[in-house]
Amino acid sequence: MLERALKQKLEEIKHKCAELRRICSGFNLAQELYALIDQLKAEAMMLRNIE
């Protein structure tokens, strides 16, 4: 029963990922995540320098 539910959720995730890729075809998610990480690192560095 749990294995069947897990397989069903996995298929839903695959379907949603494909849908998201189609909707966001002009959006580079990895590039956006790198930019966000860089921004968070800069903010963390500023907070460390204040202390």
PDB file of N, CA and C in Angstrom:
ATOM      1  N   MET A   1       0.827  -1.191   0.000  1.00  0.00           N
ATOM      2  CA  MET A   1       0.000   0.000   0.000  1.00  0.00           C
ATOM      3  C   MET A   1       0.876   1.261   0.000  1.00  0.00           C
ATOM      4  N   LEU A   2       1.877   1.327   0.875  1.00  0.00           N
ATOM      5  CA  LEU A   2       2.759   2.495   0.915  1.00  0.00           C
ATOM      6  C   LEU A   2       3.575   2.609  -0.364  1.00  0.00           C
ATOM      7  N   GLU A   3       4.007   1.468  -0.876  1.00  0.00           N
ATOM      8  CA  GLU A   3       4.803   1.486  -2.105  1.00  0.00           C
ATOM      9  C   GLU A   3       3.977   2.021  -3.276  1.00  0.00           C
ATOM     10  N   ARG A   4       2.720   1.646  -3.342  1.00  0.00           N
ATOM     11  CA  ARG A   4       1.839   2.137  -4.402  1.00  0.00           C
ATOM     12  C   ARG A   4       1.631   3.643  -4.272  1.00  0.00           C
ATOM     13  N   ALA A   5       1.436   4.129  -3.050  1.00  0.00           N
ATOM     14  CA  ALA A   5       1.264   5.564  -2.819  1.00  0.00           C
ATOM     15  C   ALA A   5       2.534   6.320  -3.188  1.00  0.00           C
ATOM     16  N   LEU A   6       3.690   5.741  -2.853  1.00  0.00           N
ATOM     17  CA  LEU A   6       4.970   6.362  -3.190  1.00  0.00           C
ATOM     18  C   LEU A   6       5.148   6.451  -4.704  1.00  0.00           C
ATOM     19  N   LYS A   7       4.826   5.381  -5.412  1.00  0.00           N
ATOM     20  CA  LYS A   7       4.929   5.384  -6.875  1.00  0.00           C
ATOM     21  C   LYS A   7       3.989   6.416  -7.486  1.00  0.00           C
ATOM     22  N   GLN A   8       2.788   6.533  -6.933  1.00  0.00           N
ATOM     23  CA  GLN A   8       1.824   7.505  -7.433  1.00  0.00           C
ATOM     24  C   GLN A   8       2.347   8.928  -7.226  1.00  0.00           C
ATOM     25  N   LYS A   9       2.891   9.207  -6.059  1.00  0.00           N
ATOM     26  CA  LYS A   9       3.440  10.541  -5.783  1.00  0.00           C
ATOM     27  C   LYS A   9       4.629  10.833  -6.690  1.00  0.00           C
ATOM     28  N   LEU A  10       5.463   9.824  -6.934  1.00  0.00           N
ATOM     29  CA  LEU A  10       6.604   9.993  -7.822  1.00  0.00           C
ATOM     30  C   LEU A  10       6.137  10.366  -9.229  1.00  0.00           C
ATOM     31  N   GLU A  11       5.103   9.719  -9.710  1.00  0.00           N
ATOM     32  CA  GLU A  11       4.560  10.044 -11.030  1.00  0.00           C
ATOM     33  C   GLU A  11       3.980  11.456 -11.053  1.00  0.00           C
ATOM     34  N   GLU A  12       3.315  11.848  -9.975  1.00  0.00           N
ATOM     35  CA  GLU A  12       2.782  13.210  -9.890  1.00  0.00           C
ATOM     36  C   GLU A  12       3.912  14.235  -9.937  1.00  0.00           C
ATOM     37  N   ILE A  13       4.991  13.961  -9.219  1.00  0.00           N
ATOM     38  CA  ILE A  13       6.139  14.874  -9.206  1.00  0.00           C
ATOM     39  C   ILE A  13       6.742  14.972 -10.597  1.00  0.00           C
ATOM     40  N   LYS A  14       6.913  13.835 -11.275  1.00  0.00           N
ATOM     41  CA  LYS A  14       7.456  13.846 -12.638  1.00  0.00           C
ATOM     42  C   LYS A  14       6.570  14.674 -13.563  1.00  0.00           C
ATOM     43  N   HIS A  15       5.261  14.493 -13.443  1.00  0.00           N
ATOM     44  CA  HIS A  15       4.313  15.232 -14.283  1.00  0.00           C
ATOM     45  C   HIS A  15       4.397  16.729 -13.995  1.00  0.00           C
ATOM     46  N   LYS A  16       4.445  17.096 -12.725  1.00  0.00           N
ATOM     47  CA  LYS A  16       4.522  18.515 -12.351  1.00  0.00           C
ATOM     48  C   LYS A  16       5.841  19.136 -12.803  1.00  0.00           C
ATOM     49  N   CYS A  17       6.932  18.379 -12.727  1.00  0.00           N
ATOM     50  CA  CYS A  17       8.227  18.891 -13.196  1.00  0.00           C
ATOM     51  C   CYS A  17       8.188  19.156 -14.695  1.00  0.00           C
ATOM     52  N   ALA A  18       7.606  18.245 -15.444  1.00  0.00           N
ATOM     53  CA  ALA A  18       7.491  18.439 -16.889  1.00  0.00           C
ATOM     54  C   ALA A  18       6.618  19.650 -17.193  1.00  0.00           C
ATOM     55  N   GLU A  19       5.535  19.803 -16.452  1.00  0.00           N
ATOM     56  CA  GLU A  19       4.644  20.949 -16.631  1.00  0.00           C
ATOM     57  C   GLU A  19       5.369  22.253 -16.295  1.00  0.00           C
ATOM     58  N   LEU A  20       6.119  22.255 -15.223  1.00  0.00           N
ATOM     59  CA  LEU A  20       6.868  23.441 -14.816  1.00  0.00           C
ATOM     60  C   LEU A  20       7.921  23.807 -15.857  1.00  0.00           C
ATOM     61  N   ARG A  21       8.608  22.801 -16.395  1.00  0.00           N
ATOM     62  CA  ARG A  21       9.599  23.056 -17.450  1.00  0.00           C
ATOM     63  C   ARG A  21       8.943  23.686 -18.669  1.00  0.00           C
ATOM     64  N   ARG A  22       7.751  23.212 -19.018  1.00  0.00           N
ATOM     65  CA  ARG A  22       7.038  23.751 -20.175  1.00  0.00           C
ATOM     66  C   ARG A  22       6.617  25.192 -19.916  1.00  0.00           C
ATOM     67  N   ILE A  23       6.080  25.469 -18.742  1.00  0.00           N
ATOM     68  CA  ILE A  23       5.610  26.813 -18.402  1.00  0.00           C
ATOM     69  C   ILE A  23       6.777  27.792 -18.322  1.00  0.00           C
ATOM     70  N   CYS A  24       7.877  27.357 -17.757  1.00  0.00           N
ATOM     71  CA  CYS A  24       9.030  28.238 -17.510  1.00  0.00           C
ATOM     72  C   CYS A  24      10.146  27.992 -18.510  1.00  0.00           C
ATOM     73  N   SER A  25       9.810  27.761 -19.753  1.00  0.00           N
ATOM     74  CA  SER A  25      10.835  27.402 -20.735  1.00  0.00           C
ATOM     75  C   SER A  25      11.887  28.489 -20.911  1.00  0.00           C
ATOM     76  N   GLY A  26      11.548  29.765 -20.716  1.00  0.00           N
ATOM     77  CA  GLY A  26      12.516  30.840 -20.870  1.00  0.00           C
ATOM     78  C   GLY A  26      13.205  31.212 -19.573  1.00  0.00           C
ATOM     79  N   PHE A  27      12.962  30.465 -18.530  1.00  0.00           N
ATOM     80  CA  PHE A  27      13.474  30.777 -17.197  1.00  0.00           C
ATOM     81  C   PHE A  27      14.539  29.753 -16.826  1.00  0.00           C
ATOM     82  N   ASN A  28      15.753  30.194 -16.561  1.00  0.00           N
ATOM     83  CA  ASN A  28      16.838  29.290 -16.196  1.00  0.00           C
ATOM     84  C   ASN A  28      16.871  29.170 -14.673  1.00  0.00           C
ATOM     85  N   LEU A  29      16.279  28.117 -14.168  1.00  0.00           N
ATOM     86  CA  LEU A  29      16.148  27.931 -12.724  1.00  0.00           C
ATOM     87  C   LEU A  29      17.510  27.827 -12.039  1.00  0.00           C
ATOM     88  N   ALA A  30      18.434  27.093 -12.639  1.00  0.00           N
ATOM     89  CA  ALA A  30      19.758  26.942 -12.024  1.00  0.00           C
ATOM     90  C   ALA A  30      20.452  28.295 -11.904  1.00  0.00           C
ATOM     91  N   GLN A  31      20.370  29.100 -12.945  1.00  0.00           N
ATOM     92  CA  GLN A  31      21.000  30.421 -12.916  1.00  0.00           C
ATOM     93  C   GLN A  31      20.368  31.294 -11.835  1.00  0.00           C
ATOM     94  N   GLU A  32      19.064  31.230 -11.704  1.00  0.00           N
ATOM     95  CA  GLU A  32      18.375  32.008 -10.677  1.00  0.00           C
ATOM     96  C   GLU A  32      18.774  31.544  -9.280  1.00  0.00           C
ATOM     97  N   LEU A  33      18.918  30.236  -9.099  1.00  0.00           N
ATOM     98  CA  LEU A  33      19.323  29.716  -7.793  1.00  0.00           C
ATOM     99  C   LEU A  33      20.743  30.148  -7.450  1.00  0.00           C
ATOM    100  N   TYR A  34      21.648  30.121  -8.435  1.00  0.00           N
ATOM    101  CA  TYR A  34      23.017  30.591  -8.189  1.00  0.00           C
ATOM    102  C   TYR A  34      23.019  32.059  -7.790  1.00  0.00           C
ATOM    103  N   ALA A  35      22.198  32.868  -8.466  1.00  0.00           N
ATOM    104  CA  ALA A  35      22.124  34.292  -8.130  1.00  0.00           C
ATOM    105  C   ALA A  35      21.600  34.472  -6.705  1.00  0.00           C
ATOM    106  N   LEU A  36      20.591  33.692  -6.333  1.00  0.00           N
ATOM    107  CA  LEU A  36      20.038  33.775  -4.984  1.00  0.00           C
ATOM    108  C   LEU A  36      21.076  33.354  -3.941  1.00  0.00           C
ATOM    109  N   ILE A  37      21.812  32.286  -4.231  1.00  0.00           N
ATOM    110  CA  ILE A  37      22.850  31.825  -3.307  1.00  0.00           C
ATOM    111  C   ILE A  37      23.918  32.895  -3.128  1.00  0.00           C
ATOM    112  N   ASP A  38      24.338  33.518  -4.239  1.00  0.00           N
ATOM    113  CA  ASP A  38      25.338  34.590  -4.147  1.00  0.00           C
ATOM    114  C   ASP A  38      24.827  35.745  -3.301  1.00  0.00           C
ATOM    115  N   GLN A  39      23.569  36.089  -3.476  1.00  0.00           N
ATOM    116  CA  GLN A  39      22.970  37.180  -2.704  1.00  0.00           C
ATOM    117  C   GLN A  39      22.937  36.825  -1.213  1.00  0.00           C
ATOM    118  N   LEU A  40      22.559  35.597  -0.901  1.00  0.00           N
ATOM    119  CA  LEU A  40      22.516  35.163   0.498  1.00  0.00           C
ATOM    120  C   LEU A  40      23.911  35.134   1.116  1.00  0.00           C
ATOM    121  N   LYS A  41      24.913  34.715   0.331  1.00  0.00           N
ATOM    122  CA  LYS A  41      26.288  34.718   0.834  1.00  0.00           C
ATOM    123  C   LYS A  41      26.741  36.138   1.152  1.00  0.00           C
ATOM    124  N   ALA A  42      26.406  37.085   0.267  1.00  0.00           N
ATOM    125  CA  ALA A  42      26.795  38.479   0.494  1.00  0.00           C
ATOM    126  C   ALA A  42      26.127  39.018   1.751  1.00  0.00           C
ATOM    127  N   GLU A  43      24.854  38.706   1.950  1.00  0.00           N
ATOM    128  CA  GLU A  43      24.147  39.161   3.143  1.00  0.00           C
ATOM    129  C   GLU A  43      24.737  38.525   4.402  1.00  0.00           C
ATOM    130  N   ALA A  44      25.105  37.254   4.320  1.00  0.00           N
ATOM    131  CA  ALA A  44      25.714  36.575   5.469  1.00  0.00           C
ATOM    132  C   ALA A  44      27.058  37.211   5.808  1.00  0.00           C
ATOM    133  N   MET A  45      27.824  37.565   4.782  1.00  0.00           N
ATOM    134  CA  MET A  45      29.123  38.207   5.004  1.00  0.00           C
ATOM    135  C   MET A  45      28.934  39.562   5.681  1.00  0.00           C
ATOM    136  N   MET A  46      27.918  40.316   5.250  1.00  0.00           N
ATOM    137  CA  MET A  46      27.642  41.614   5.874  1.00  0.00           C
ATOM    138  C   MET A  46      27.273  41.435   7.340  1.00  0.00           C
ATOM    139  N   LEU A  47      26.467  40.429   7.637  1.00  0.00           N
ATOM    140  CA  LEU A  47      26.063  40.181   9.022  1.00  0.00           C
ATOM    141  C   LEU A  47      27.258  39.782   9.879  1.00  0.00           C
ATOM    142  N   ARG A  48      28.167  39.009   9.318  1.00  0.00           N
ATOM    143  CA  ARG A  48      29.362  38.617  10.067  1.00  0.00           C
ATOM    144  C   ARG A  48      30.243  39.826  10.350  1.00  0.00           C
ATOM    145  N   ASN A  49      30.331  40.743   9.387  1.00  0.00           N
ATOM    146  CA  ASN A  49      31.174  41.926   9.556  1.00  0.00           C
ATOM    147  C   ASN A  49      30.605  42.891  10.589  1.00  0.00           C
ATOM    148  N   ILE A  50      29.295  42.898  10.765  1.00  0.00           N
ATOM    149  CA  ILE A  50      28.661  43.766  11.758  1.00  0.00           C
ATOM    150  C   ILE A  50      29.012  43.294  13.160  1.00  0.00           C
ATOM    151  N   GLU A  51      29.054  41.987  13.352  1.00  0.00           N
ATOM    152  CA  GLU A  51      29.353  41.413  14.675  1.00  0.00           C
ATOM    153  C   GLU A  51      30.792  41.590  14.930  1.00  0.00           C
TER     154      GLU A  51
END
